[in-house]
Protein backbone atom coordinates (compact mmCIF):
# COMPACT_ATOMS: atom_id res chain seq x y z
CA MET A 1 -51.34 -83.93 42.21
CA HIS A 2 -52.93 -80.99 40.42
CA LYS A 3 -52.20 -78.63 43.44
CA ASN A 4 -48.53 -79.59 43.68
CA THR A 5 -48.00 -78.87 40.00
CA LYS A 6 -49.51 -75.52 40.24
CA LYS A 7 -47.30 -74.57 43.23
CA LYS A 8 -44.36 -75.78 41.30
CA GLN A 9 -45.20 -73.65 38.33
CA GLN A 10 -45.69 -70.63 40.52
CA GLY A 11 -42.24 -71.11 41.98
CA ALA A 12 -40.64 -71.45 38.60
CA ILE A 13 -42.36 -68.28 37.40
CA GLY A 14 -41.22 -66.50 40.53
CA LEU A 15 -37.50 -67.55 39.92
CA PHE A 16 -37.80 -66.57 36.16
CA GLY A 17 -39.03 -63.22 37.43
CA VAL A 18 -36.20 -62.75 39.92
CA LEU A 19 -33.66 -63.76 37.12
CA THR A 20 -35.27 -61.33 34.65
CA LEU A 21 -35.20 -58.48 37.21
CA LEU A 22 -31.44 -59.35 37.86
CA MET A 23 -30.71 -59.25 34.17
CA ALA A 24 -32.57 -55.89 33.74
CA VAL A 25 -30.46 -54.49 36.64
CA LEU A 26 -27.30 -55.84 35.06
CA PHE A 27 -28.06 -54.25 31.83
CA VAL A 28 -28.81 -50.95 33.41
CA ALA A 29 -25.49 -51.19 35.35
CA VAL A 30 -23.58 -52.15 32.16
CA ALA A 31 -25.28 -49.25 30.34
CA VAL A 32 -24.78 -46.74 33.03
CA ASP A 33 -21.11 -47.84 33.41
CA SER A 34 -20.47 -47.69 29.65
CA GLY A 35 -21.97 -44.35 29.39
CA ARG A 36 -20.03 -43.08 32.22
CA LEU A 37 -16.71 -44.33 30.94
CA TRP A 38 -17.43 -42.88 27.53
CA MET A 39 -18.19 -39.51 29.10
CA GLU A 40 -15.08 -39.86 31.16
CA LYS A 41 -12.98 -40.69 28.05
CA ARG A 42 -14.66 -37.90 26.15
CA LYS A 43 -13.84 -35.50 28.89
CA LEU A 44 -10.22 -36.64 29.05
CA GLN A 45 -10.05 -36.25 25.24
CA ASN A 46 -11.26 -32.77 25.34
CA ILE A 47 -8.43 -32.03 27.84
CA ALA A 48 -5.75 -33.54 25.76
CA ASP A 49 -7.07 -31.59 22.71
CA MET A 50 -6.91 -28.22 24.57
CA ALA A 51 -3.49 -29.09 25.94
CA ALA A 52 -2.14 -29.93 22.43
CA ILE A 53 -3.56 -26.67 20.95
CA ALA A 54 -2.14 -24.59 23.78
CA ALA A 55 1.26 -26.30 23.42
CA GLY A 56 1.27 -25.78 19.70
CA GLY A 57 0.55 -22.00 20.13
CA GLN A 58 3.95 -21.84 22.24
CA VAL A 59 6.09 -23.62 19.73
CA GLY A 60 5.66 -21.14 16.90
CA GLY A 61 8.12 -18.38 16.34
CA CYS A 62 11.88 -18.54 16.42
CA ALA A 63 13.13 -21.82 17.69
CA GLN A 64 15.86 -20.09 19.83
CA ASN A 65 13.10 -18.34 21.83
CA ASN A 66 11.15 -21.37 22.66
CA SER A 67 11.97 -23.71 25.41
CA SER A 68 10.56 -27.18 26.16
CA GLU A 69 9.40 -25.65 29.52
CA ALA A 70 7.31 -23.03 27.79
CA TYR A 71 5.10 -25.50 25.57
CA LYS A 72 5.00 -28.10 28.38
CA ALA A 73 3.89 -25.50 30.87
CA ALA A 74 1.27 -24.29 28.43
CA ALA A 75 -0.14 -27.86 27.98
CA GLN A 76 -0.31 -28.41 31.73
CA ALA A 77 -2.10 -25.04 32.24
CA ALA A 78 -4.71 -25.66 29.64
CA ALA A 79 -5.29 -29.19 31.08
CA ALA A 80 -5.77 -27.88 34.68
CA ALA A 81 -8.15 -25.13 33.39
CA ASN A 82 -10.24 -27.79 31.87
CA GLY A 83 -10.51 -29.84 35.19
CA TYR A 84 -7.53 -32.27 34.81
CA GLN A 85 -6.24 -33.32 38.14
CA GLY A 86 -3.12 -35.15 37.06
CA ASN A 87 0.25 -34.03 35.84
CA LEU A 88 0.91 -34.26 32.00
CA LEU A 89 4.62 -34.02 32.54
CA ALA A 90 4.82 -37.21 34.56
CA ALA A 91 4.80 -40.80 33.01
CA PRO A 92 2.80 -42.36 31.63
CA ASN A 93 1.54 -38.89 30.57
CA ALA A 94 3.64 -36.95 28.06
CA VAL A 95 4.04 -33.81 25.95
CA GLN A 96 6.25 -34.39 22.96
CA LEU A 97 7.37 -32.10 20.12
CA GLY A 98 8.03 -33.65 16.74
CA GLY A 99 6.30 -33.99 13.33
CA TYR A 100 3.80 -35.91 11.52
CA HIS A 101 3.70 -37.58 8.28
CA THR A 102 0.67 -38.96 6.01
CA ASP A 103 1.04 -42.48 4.38
CA SER A 104 -0.43 -43.66 1.12
CA ASP A 105 -3.70 -44.58 2.93
CA GLY A 106 -4.17 -41.00 4.27
CA ILE A 107 -3.25 -42.24 7.90
CA ARG A 108 -1.25 -39.48 9.80
CA THR A 109 1.48 -40.74 12.14
CA PHE A 110 3.37 -38.70 14.77
CA ALA A 111 7.07 -39.13 15.35
CA ALA A 112 8.95 -37.34 18.23
CA ASN A 113 11.85 -35.56 16.46
CA ASN A 114 13.33 -32.13 15.83
CA GLU A 115 10.78 -31.27 13.06
CA ARG A 116 8.80 -28.90 15.28
CA SER A 117 5.57 -29.15 13.12
CA ALA A 118 3.28 -30.82 15.76
CA VAL A 119 2.83 -31.47 19.46
CA ARG A 120 1.46 -34.68 20.99
CA VAL A 121 -0.25 -34.89 24.30
CA LEU A 122 -0.72 -38.33 26.00
CA ALA A 123 -3.01 -38.12 28.90
CA THR A 124 -4.27 -40.78 31.41
CA GLN A 125 -6.82 -40.79 34.24
CA GLU A 126 -7.70 -43.59 36.70
CA VAL A 127 -11.35 -43.96 37.32
CA PRO A 128 -13.51 -46.77 38.98
CA SER A 129 -14.02 -49.66 36.53
CA SER A 130 -17.60 -49.81 37.68
CA LEU A 131 -19.95 -47.98 39.96
CA PHE A 132 -21.47 -51.39 41.25
CA ALA A 133 -18.95 -54.14 41.22
CA GLY A 134 -16.06 -51.81 41.16
CA GLY A 135 -17.33 -50.16 44.19
CA ILE A 136 -17.63 -53.49 46.03
CA PHE A 137 -14.19 -54.83 44.89
CA ASN A 138 -12.48 -51.37 44.69
CA GLN A 139 -11.41 -52.16 40.93
CA ARG A 140 -10.05 -49.22 38.95
CA ILE A 141 -9.32 -48.68 35.23
CA VAL A 142 -6.89 -46.33 33.50
CA LEU A 143 -8.32 -44.31 30.44
CA ARG A 144 -5.74 -43.21 27.91
CA THR A 145 -6.19 -40.53 25.21
CA GLU A 146 -3.88 -38.83 22.62
CA ALA A 147 -4.18 -35.62 20.81
CA VAL A 148 -1.73 -34.23 18.18
CA GLY A 149 -1.89 -30.38 17.57
CA ALA A 150 -0.27 -29.03 14.33
CA VAL A 151 2.06 -26.08 14.87
CA ARG A 152 0.63 -23.07 13.15
CA THR A 153 3.49 -20.59 13.04
CA PRO A 154 2.86 -17.07 12.06
CA TYR A 155 5.16 -16.17 9.24
CA ALA A 156 5.82 -13.55 6.67
CA MET A 157 7.90 -13.14 3.49
CA PHE A 158 9.82 -9.87 3.00
CA ARG A 159 12.80 -8.41 1.33
CA VAL A 160 14.91 -5.28 1.06
CA GLY A 161 14.40 -4.07 -2.48
CA SER A 162 12.03 -2.02 -4.71
CA THR A 163 8.53 -2.50 -6.41
CA ILE A 164 9.89 -0.29 -9.32
CA ALA A 165 11.72 -1.93 -12.30
CA ASN A 166 14.34 0.17 -13.88
CA VAL A 167 14.37 -1.24 -17.33
CA ASN A 168 17.62 0.04 -18.59
CA LEU A 169 19.49 -1.08 -15.51
CA LEU A 170 17.90 -4.55 -15.49
CA ASN A 171 18.74 -5.04 -19.07
CA ASN A 172 22.24 -4.29 -18.59
CA LEU A 173 22.49 -6.23 -15.24
CA LEU A 174 20.67 -9.40 -16.53
CA GLY A 175 22.25 -9.24 -19.97
CA SER A 176 25.79 -9.13 -18.45
CA ILE A 177 25.09 -12.02 -16.01
CA LEU A 178 23.37 -14.25 -18.43
CA GLY A 179 25.39 -13.38 -21.39
CA ALA A 180 22.27 -12.60 -23.53
CA ASP A 181 20.23 -9.81 -24.95
CA VAL A 182 17.28 -9.36 -22.63
CA ARG A 183 15.70 -6.29 -23.97
CA LEU A 184 12.59 -8.13 -25.24
CA LEU A 185 11.61 -9.13 -21.72
CA SER A 186 8.22 -8.11 -20.37
CA TYR A 187 9.26 -6.65 -17.29
CA ASP A 188 5.94 -5.20 -16.34
CA GLY A 189 4.31 -8.59 -16.69
CA LEU A 190 7.20 -10.25 -14.51
CA LEU A 191 6.78 -7.66 -11.90
CA ARG A 192 3.04 -8.11 -11.72
CA THR A 193 3.14 -11.92 -11.49
CA ASN A 194 3.36 -13.96 -8.36
CA ILE A 195 3.79 -17.64 -7.83
CA HIS A 196 3.67 -19.94 -4.85
CA LEU A 197 6.30 -22.19 -3.60
CA LEU A 198 3.87 -25.07 -3.86
CA ASP A 199 3.50 -24.31 -7.73
CA LEU A 200 7.28 -24.70 -8.04
CA VAL A 201 7.18 -28.10 -6.15
CA ASN A 202 4.34 -29.24 -8.46
CA ALA A 203 6.13 -28.19 -11.60
CA SER A 204 9.26 -29.90 -10.71
CA PRO A 205 9.32 -33.77 -11.63
CA ASN A 206 12.01 -34.60 -9.11
CA VAL A 207 10.79 -32.54 -6.02
CA GLY A 208 8.08 -33.59 -3.79
CA SER A 209 8.20 -30.98 -0.89
CA VAL A 210 9.36 -27.49 -0.32
CA SER A 211 12.23 -28.91 1.73
CA GLU A 212 13.53 -30.95 -1.27
CA LEU A 213 13.00 -27.83 -3.50
CA LEU A 214 15.20 -25.62 -1.29
CA ASN A 215 17.91 -28.27 -1.28
CA ALA A 216 18.04 -28.71 -5.13
CA ASN A 217 20.87 -27.68 -7.21
CA ILE A 218 20.01 -26.40 -10.57
CA SER A 219 21.40 -24.45 -13.40
CA LEU A 220 20.21 -20.95 -13.99
CA GLY A 221 18.71 -21.97 -17.50
CA ASP A 222 16.85 -24.99 -15.98
CA PHE A 223 15.52 -22.59 -13.26
CA PHE A 224 14.00 -20.34 -15.83
CA THR A 225 12.46 -23.37 -17.55
CA LEU A 226 10.93 -24.35 -14.16
CA LEU A 227 9.50 -20.92 -13.76
CA GLN A 228 8.10 -21.10 -17.18
CA THR A 229 6.40 -24.40 -16.58
CA THR A 230 4.95 -22.99 -13.25
CA VAL A 231 3.40 -19.84 -14.89
CA ASP A 232 2.19 -21.80 -17.94
CA ARG A 233 0.16 -24.03 -15.53
CA GLN A 234 -1.50 -20.89 -14.07
CA GLY A 235 -3.42 -20.56 -17.29
CA SER A 236 -1.35 -18.57 -19.78
CA ALA A 237 -3.68 -19.62 -22.71
CA SER A 238 -6.66 -17.72 -21.18
CA ASP A 239 -4.66 -14.89 -19.86
CA PRO A 240 -2.72 -12.80 -22.40
CA GLY A 241 -0.70 -11.13 -19.69
CA LEU A 242 0.73 -14.48 -18.38
CA GLY A 243 1.27 -15.46 -22.13
CA SER A 244 3.85 -12.61 -22.49
CA VAL A 245 5.54 -13.69 -19.13
CA VAL A 246 5.72 -17.40 -20.36
CA GLU A 247 7.38 -16.17 -23.55
CA SER A 248 9.74 -13.96 -21.54
CA LEU A 249 10.83 -17.02 -19.26
CA GLY A 250 11.17 -19.13 -22.27
CA TYR A 251 13.44 -16.62 -23.88
CA LEU A 252 15.56 -16.53 -20.70
CA ALA A 253 15.73 -20.23 -20.61
CA THR A 254 16.91 -20.68 -24.23
CA ARG A 255 19.26 -17.57 -24.41
CA THR A 256 21.26 -17.99 -21.20
CA VAL A 257 24.74 -18.47 -22.34
CA ASN A 258 26.75 -18.27 -19.25
CA SER A 259 26.98 -21.56 -17.40
CA LEU A 260 25.80 -20.62 -13.82
CA ASP A 261 24.43 -22.96 -11.08
CA LEU A 262 22.59 -22.22 -7.89
CA ARG A 263 20.90 -23.80 -4.98
CA LEU A 264 17.36 -22.71 -4.53
CA GLY A 265 17.75 -22.47 -0.78
CA ASP A 266 20.08 -19.67 -1.35
CA VAL A 267 17.70 -17.71 -3.37
CA VAL A 268 14.67 -18.08 -0.96
CA LYS A 269 15.79 -18.46 2.62
CA ILE A 270 13.22 -20.18 5.05
CA SER A 271 13.74 -19.98 8.69
CA ASN A 272 10.35 -21.52 9.56
CA PRO A 273 10.47 -24.60 11.70
CA ASP A 274 8.63 -26.56 9.04
CA PRO A 275 9.48 -25.38 5.47
CA ASN A 276 6.50 -27.27 4.06
CA ALA A 277 4.17 -25.19 6.18
CA VAL A 278 4.93 -22.07 4.12
CA ALA A 279 4.11 -23.64 0.78
CA SER A 280 1.33 -21.27 0.04
CA THR A 281 3.60 -18.31 0.27
CA GLN A 282 3.47 -16.14 -2.85
CA VAL A 283 6.84 -14.86 -4.40
CA ASN A 284 7.15 -12.13 -6.91
CA LEU A 285 8.38 -13.44 -10.29
CA LEU A 286 10.69 -10.51 -11.19
CA ASN A 287 12.39 -10.52 -7.78
CA LEU A 288 12.82 -14.29 -7.96
CA ILE A 289 14.52 -13.97 -11.25
CA THR A 290 17.02 -11.15 -10.37
CA THR A 291 17.84 -12.62 -6.92
CA ALA A 292 18.58 -15.92 -8.62
CA ALA A 293 20.94 -14.15 -11.17
CA PHE A 294 22.77 -12.41 -8.47
CA VAL A 295 23.17 -15.62 -6.39
CA ALA A 296 24.38 -17.65 -9.44
CA ASN A 297 26.75 -14.91 -10.48
CA GLY A 298 28.45 -15.08 -7.15
CA ASN A 299 31.32 -12.66 -6.67
CA ASN A 300 31.90 -12.18 -10.47
CA PHE A 301 32.11 -8.59 -11.69
CA ILE A 302 29.41 -7.24 -13.64
CA ASP A 303 30.40 -4.77 -16.37
CA LEU A 304 27.85 -2.04 -17.31
CA PRO A 305 28.56 0.40 -20.19
CA LEU A 306 27.90 3.99 -19.50
CA ALA A 307 26.20 6.15 -22.19
CA VAL A 308 28.61 9.02 -22.14
CA SER A 309 28.95 11.28 -25.17
CA LEU A 310 31.96 13.47 -24.50
CA PRO A 311 34.74 14.49 -26.98
CA GLY A 312 37.76 12.36 -26.58
CA LEU A 313 36.10 9.84 -24.36
CA ALA A 314 35.84 6.11 -25.35
CA GLU A 315 33.45 3.59 -23.80
CA VAL A 316 33.26 3.78 -19.94
CA LEU A 317 32.60 0.74 -18.02
CA THR A 318 31.18 0.52 -14.36
CA ARG A 319 32.22 -2.72 -12.64
CA ILE A 320 29.82 -3.81 -10.15
CA ARG A 321 30.51 -6.66 -7.64
CA ILE A 322 27.84 -8.06 -5.45
CA ILE A 323 29.86 -9.44 -2.60
CA GLU A 324 26.64 -10.81 -0.79
CA PRO A 325 23.52 -11.00 -2.86
CA PRO A 326 20.19 -9.75 -1.61
CA GLN A 327 17.87 -12.22 0.04
CA LEU A 328 14.09 -13.14 -0.23
CA VAL A 329 13.33 -14.62 3.29
CA ILE A 330 10.43 -16.40 4.86
CA GLY A 331 10.05 -17.21 8.46
CA PRO A 332 8.32 -16.54 11.84
CA PRO A 333 8.68 -13.39 14.04
CA ALA A 334 10.90 -13.15 17.03
CA GLY A 335 7.84 -13.25 19.34
CA GLY A 336 8.50 -9.94 20.93
CA MET A 337 10.39 -6.70 20.42
CA SER A 338 12.97 -7.70 23.00
CA SER A 339 13.52 -11.20 21.62
CA ALA A 340 16.28 -12.30 19.08
CA ALA A 341 15.09 -12.42 15.55
CA CYS A 342 15.62 -15.45 13.41
CA THR A 343 13.96 -14.17 10.15
CA ILE A 344 16.49 -11.74 8.76
CA ALA A 345 16.59 -10.15 5.37
CA ARG A 346 19.93 -8.87 4.58
CA THR A 347 20.77 -6.09 2.05
CA ALA A 348 23.22 -6.75 -0.70
CA GLN A 349 26.77 -5.84 0.00
CA VAL A 350 27.83 -3.94 -3.18
CA ARG A 351 31.02 -2.67 -4.54
CA THR A 352 31.19 -0.51 -7.66
CA GLU A 353 34.10 1.04 -9.55
CA THR A 354 34.10 3.38 -12.53
CA ILE A 355 37.54 4.27 -13.98
CA ILE A 356 37.82 7.22 -16.42
CA LYS A 357 41.01 8.17 -18.19
CA VAL A 358 40.52 10.74 -20.94
CA ASN A 359 42.45 13.27 -22.83
CA VAL A 360 40.76 16.50 -23.93
CA LEU A 361 42.65 19.12 -25.69
CA LEU A 362 45.70 19.85 -23.58
CA ALA A 363 44.29 18.25 -20.37
CA SER A 364 44.12 14.68 -19.23
CA ILE A 365 41.89 13.36 -16.44
CA ASP A 366 42.49 10.21 -14.38
CA LEU A 367 39.80 9.25 -11.84
CA ARG A 368 38.08 6.41 -10.24
CA LEU A 369 34.68 6.78 -8.56
CA SER A 370 34.13 3.94 -5.94
CA LEU A 371 31.01 3.05 -3.95
CA ASP A 372 31.02 0.58 -1.20
CA VAL A 373 27.74 -0.33 0.63
CA GLY A 374 28.04 -2.46 3.65
CA THR A 375 25.42 -5.20 4.56
CA GLY A 376 22.37 -3.93 6.36
CA ARG A 377 19.49 -6.08 7.59
CA ALA A 378 15.77 -6.15 8.37
CA GLU A 379 14.48 -8.18 11.14
CA LEU A 380 10.90 -9.52 11.56
CA MET A 381 10.04 -8.94 15.17
CA GLU A 382 6.03 -9.31 15.60
CA ILE A 383 3.05 -10.55 13.64
CA LYS A 384 -0.08 -9.86 15.59
CA PRO A 385 -3.73 -8.80 15.03
CA SER A 386 -4.31 -5.03 15.10
CA GLY A 387 -8.04 -4.94 14.99
CA PRO A 388 -10.93 -6.60 13.04
CA GLY A 389 -9.65 -7.83 9.77
CA ARG A 390 -6.11 -6.48 10.13
CA THR A 391 -2.69 -7.82 10.92
CA GLN A 392 0.28 -5.87 12.23
CA VAL A 393 3.80 -6.74 11.00
CA VAL A 394 6.73 -5.05 12.86
CA VAL A 395 10.12 -5.01 11.22
CA ASN A 396 13.50 -3.40 12.56
CA ALA A 397 15.78 -2.02 9.98
CA TYR A 398 19.53 -1.62 10.40
CA PRO A 399 21.13 0.03 7.35
CA GLY A 400 24.55 -0.71 6.16
CA LEU A 401 27.30 1.94 5.95
CA ALA A 402 28.05 3.52 2.50
CA ALA A 403 31.05 5.03 1.33
CA LEU A 404 31.64 7.09 -1.81
CA ARG A 405 35.33 7.80 -2.82
CA LEU A 406 37.04 9.69 -5.78
CA THR A 407 40.67 8.68 -6.48
CA ASN A 408 42.98 8.11 -9.39
CA SER A 409 42.58 4.95 -11.49
CA GLU A 410 45.13 3.08 -9.35
CA ASN A 411 43.01 3.86 -6.16
CA GLU A 412 46.12 5.15 -4.40
CA ALA A 413 45.88 8.90 -4.63
CA PRO A 414 43.32 11.61 -5.41
CA ALA A 415 41.90 12.05 -8.96
CA LYS A 416 44.15 14.14 -10.92
CA VAL A 417 43.86 16.69 -13.84
CA ASN A 418 47.18 17.15 -15.79
CA LEU A 419 48.20 19.49 -18.61
CA LEU A 420 50.22 18.74 -21.71
CA LEU A 421 49.19 14.93 -21.83
CA GLY A 422 50.06 14.47 -18.21
CA LEU A 423 53.30 16.27 -18.13
CA ILE A 424 52.31 19.20 -15.81
CA PRO A 425 50.07 18.34 -12.84
CA LEU A 426 47.14 20.83 -12.54
CA ALA A 427 44.97 19.82 -9.61
CA GLU A 428 43.81 17.04 -7.41
CA ILE A 429 40.15 16.43 -6.91
CA GLY A 430 38.50 14.65 -4.05
CA LEU A 431 34.97 14.33 -2.65
CA ASN A 432 33.85 16.26 0.24
CA VAL A 433 30.77 14.11 1.06
CA PRO A 434 30.93 12.45 4.46
CA ILE A 435 28.18 9.72 4.67
CA ALA A 436 27.09 8.92 8.21
CA GLN A 437 25.63 5.59 8.88
CA ALA A 438 21.75 5.73 8.92
CA ALA A 439 20.21 5.13 12.30
CA PRO A 440 18.13 1.95 12.94
CA SER A 441 14.45 2.28 12.84
CA THR A 442 11.26 0.29 13.34
CA MET A 443 8.70 -0.11 10.46
CA THR A 444 5.10 -1.21 11.05
CA PHE A 445 3.08 -2.72 8.27
CA SER A 446 -0.85 -2.63 8.81
CA VAL A 447 -2.12 -5.23 6.50
CA GLU A 448 -5.84 -5.46 5.73
CA HIS A 449 -7.47 -8.81 5.08
CA PRO A 450 -7.44 -10.37 2.66
CA ALA A 451 -3.75 -10.16 2.87
CA LYS A 452 -3.02 -10.94 -0.67
CA ALA A 453 -5.13 -8.16 -1.98
CA SER A 454 -3.23 -5.74 0.10
CA LEU A 455 0.37 -6.88 -0.62
CA PRO A 456 3.06 -6.31 -1.63
CA MET A 457 3.51 -3.27 0.73
CA GLU A 458 6.50 -1.04 0.83
CA LEU A 459 8.00 1.04 3.64
CA ASN A 460 11.13 3.24 4.06
CA SER A 461 13.22 3.36 7.16
CA TYR A 462 13.64 7.13 6.40
CA SER A 463 11.32 10.03 5.75
CA GLY A 464 10.63 11.68 2.42
CA LEU A 465 12.65 10.62 -0.63
CA GLY A 466 15.94 10.13 1.02
CA ARG A 467 19.25 11.44 -0.55
CA SER A 468 20.52 10.72 -3.93
CA LEU A 469 24.17 10.13 -4.82
CA ALA A 470 23.50 12.29 -7.88
CA GLY A 471 23.36 15.23 -5.44
CA PHE A 472 26.90 14.84 -4.75
CA ALA A 473 28.01 15.12 -8.38
CA GLN A 474 28.16 18.94 -8.19
CA ALA A 475 31.06 21.39 -8.21
CA GLY A 476 30.23 22.39 -4.83
CA SER A 477 30.83 18.70 -3.39
CA LEU A 478 34.26 18.62 -5.04
CA ASP A 479 37.33 19.19 -2.95
CA ILE A 480 39.87 20.76 -5.48
CA LYS A 481 43.55 21.30 -4.58
CA VAL A 482 45.45 23.27 -7.22
CA LEU A 483 49.00 21.91 -7.62
CA GLY A 484 50.42 24.55 -10.08
CA LEU A 485 49.54 27.60 -12.06
CA ASP A 486 46.11 27.58 -13.52
CA LEU A 487 47.39 29.08 -16.88
CA GLY A 488 44.48 30.64 -18.73
CA GLY A 489 42.00 29.53 -16.05
CA ILE A 490 41.21 26.39 -17.77
CA LEU A 491 40.64 24.40 -14.47
CA ASP A 492 37.20 25.64 -13.88
CA PRO A 493 35.95 24.80 -17.38
CA ILE A 494 37.43 21.41 -17.25
CA VAL A 495 35.64 20.67 -13.87
CA ARG A 496 32.34 22.08 -15.01
CA THR A 497 32.11 20.64 -18.48
CA LEU A 498 33.92 17.27 -18.04
CA VAL A 499 34.32 16.18 -14.56
CA VAL A 500 30.93 17.09 -13.13
CA PRO A 501 29.05 15.78 -16.10
CA LEU A 502 31.00 12.42 -15.90
CA LEU A 503 30.24 12.08 -12.11
CA ALA A 504 26.52 13.01 -12.87
CA VAL A 505 26.24 10.27 -15.46
CA VAL A 506 27.77 7.57 -13.22
CA THR A 507 25.68 8.37 -10.16
CA GLY A 508 22.44 9.14 -12.03
CA SER A 509 22.42 6.38 -14.52
CA ILE A 510 24.10 3.56 -12.58
CA LEU A 511 24.60 4.04 -8.91
CA ASP A 512 21.30 5.53 -7.85
CA PRO A 513 19.26 3.07 -9.90
CA LEU A 514 21.24 0.20 -8.59
CA LEU A 515 20.74 1.17 -5.06
CA GLN A 516 17.09 1.65 -5.57
CA LEU A 517 16.85 -1.72 -7.00
CA LEU A 518 18.47 -3.29 -4.01
CA GLY A 519 16.31 -1.21 -1.70
CA ILE A 520 19.24 0.92 -0.33
CA ASN A 521 19.40 4.69 0.21
CA ILE A 522 21.93 6.71 1.95
CA ASP A 523 19.43 7.51 4.52
CA GLY A 524 18.29 3.97 5.05
CA VAL A 525 16.59 0.98 3.49
CA THR A 526 13.31 0.05 1.72
CA VAL A 527 11.53 -3.11 3.05
CA ILE A 528 8.73 -4.86 0.93
CA LEU A 529 6.34 -7.14 2.64
CA ASP A 530 5.21 -9.74 0.04
CA ASP A 531 3.00 -12.15 2.12
CA VAL A 532 1.97 -12.62 5.68
CA ASN A 533 0.16 -15.51 7.53
CA SER A 534 -1.02 -14.78 11.16
CA GLY A 535 -1.05 -18.50 11.96
CA SER A 536 -3.89 -17.79 14.26
CA THR A 537 -5.71 -21.26 13.79
CA GLN A 538 -4.34 -24.11 15.81
CA ALA A 539 -5.58 -27.40 14.08
CA LEU A 540 -5.92 -30.71 15.70
CA ILE A 541 -4.56 -33.73 13.63
CA ARG A 542 -6.67 -36.84 14.27
């Protein structure tokens, strides 16, 4: 009895040992399979990550230069380079372009659409479900991973203009547009102050994004109030310089008489695929104010008085019509010198007229000096690294055609000088100043990092100082045709003491400063780079 019991116990222990060994083998198999599947999933996730980053790098730049084949091919190439054997372009895999949104819980969700701010890569791979049972029964499992890469498009903000403020001209221009006396403005402070687009969004109670900001319609006075709030939030109480800027903006907001409205998207033009991605771009405050004033004024004439002190001459007005206002632009490069540009800053299309009718002694003068400047443009072609800590920005400039004419006040015949209060024609006067269209040119900005410390940067498409219209206001540039007898030789004194000084005042005090403000010269244009972002980092969105 005792022997049988002992044998039974030995058998039970042996069975328990076998079961324990089987359990240990099973746990080892599960651990090995779990670790293998985790590593396979991690490897597949890395492949999807690299594919999303590569695809995002191909989406940046001008939309018309990007094709779906380009970013999809980049994703497939990156996946293959990291050991992927499948095809990302075949279902159930996918490479999709769209956008992402963050909900109130901080969870980011991708949506396939035309937003072009993110790329999603869906990758699958079939592997054995188990090295043990799967090997026996040939069972397989499909691993699925997803990666979303944010499109980090390189972009720049630039304009055709000037970094120099002509106070007298700005007083007259803004005063005429706004219907207010603006001589108390702190132009130097406005010129030295930059704000970010995100600052404008945060200061506006009814706007939640850059896209909404650009689509907002606002009165010019309310726009100045928005700028005042934005600058005040930057800390005007601790910075005396900003304090004077806030006061100037408040003055503009309360003294603007003329009822003018504008759309902010017409002041700052953004061609970036995702406008919200350029929220950190800095904008010069004075240029924002002047551009907004020009846009709001539309095609209305701006009358500027001339400070002319000549006997028998009443107040002379120069009428300025900005047919197409200047532009502040933000956007990506073309992606290559041979590609089509999508970020284009156009120069202002300007027409000016100065009519002078005066009687001096026995002579009368009837003239109109007209200047027409056609629209030129500057195109952003490339943004690329040019060495450690430097970024190169390439802009092509295409100046507009300028025409300077001297006619009579009716603009139908040459300017005239008559005797005896217009009874006897003495001479016709024209301008012998042919102005050829300036040649296109390429400007290369070399920006040292940090970029904000190196900007704004200004380059001309011409060498030297360029030509001045005041150089044409000389006796040698006038084409004089004597119509009758020059009795007593009075024509030459009239030309030298009256006509030439009048032309010199118009060109020197109005036309040249106006063109300089708009970044236009007879020989080309001036381009100012205000901000640049190389977009070199391709982030993943989890």
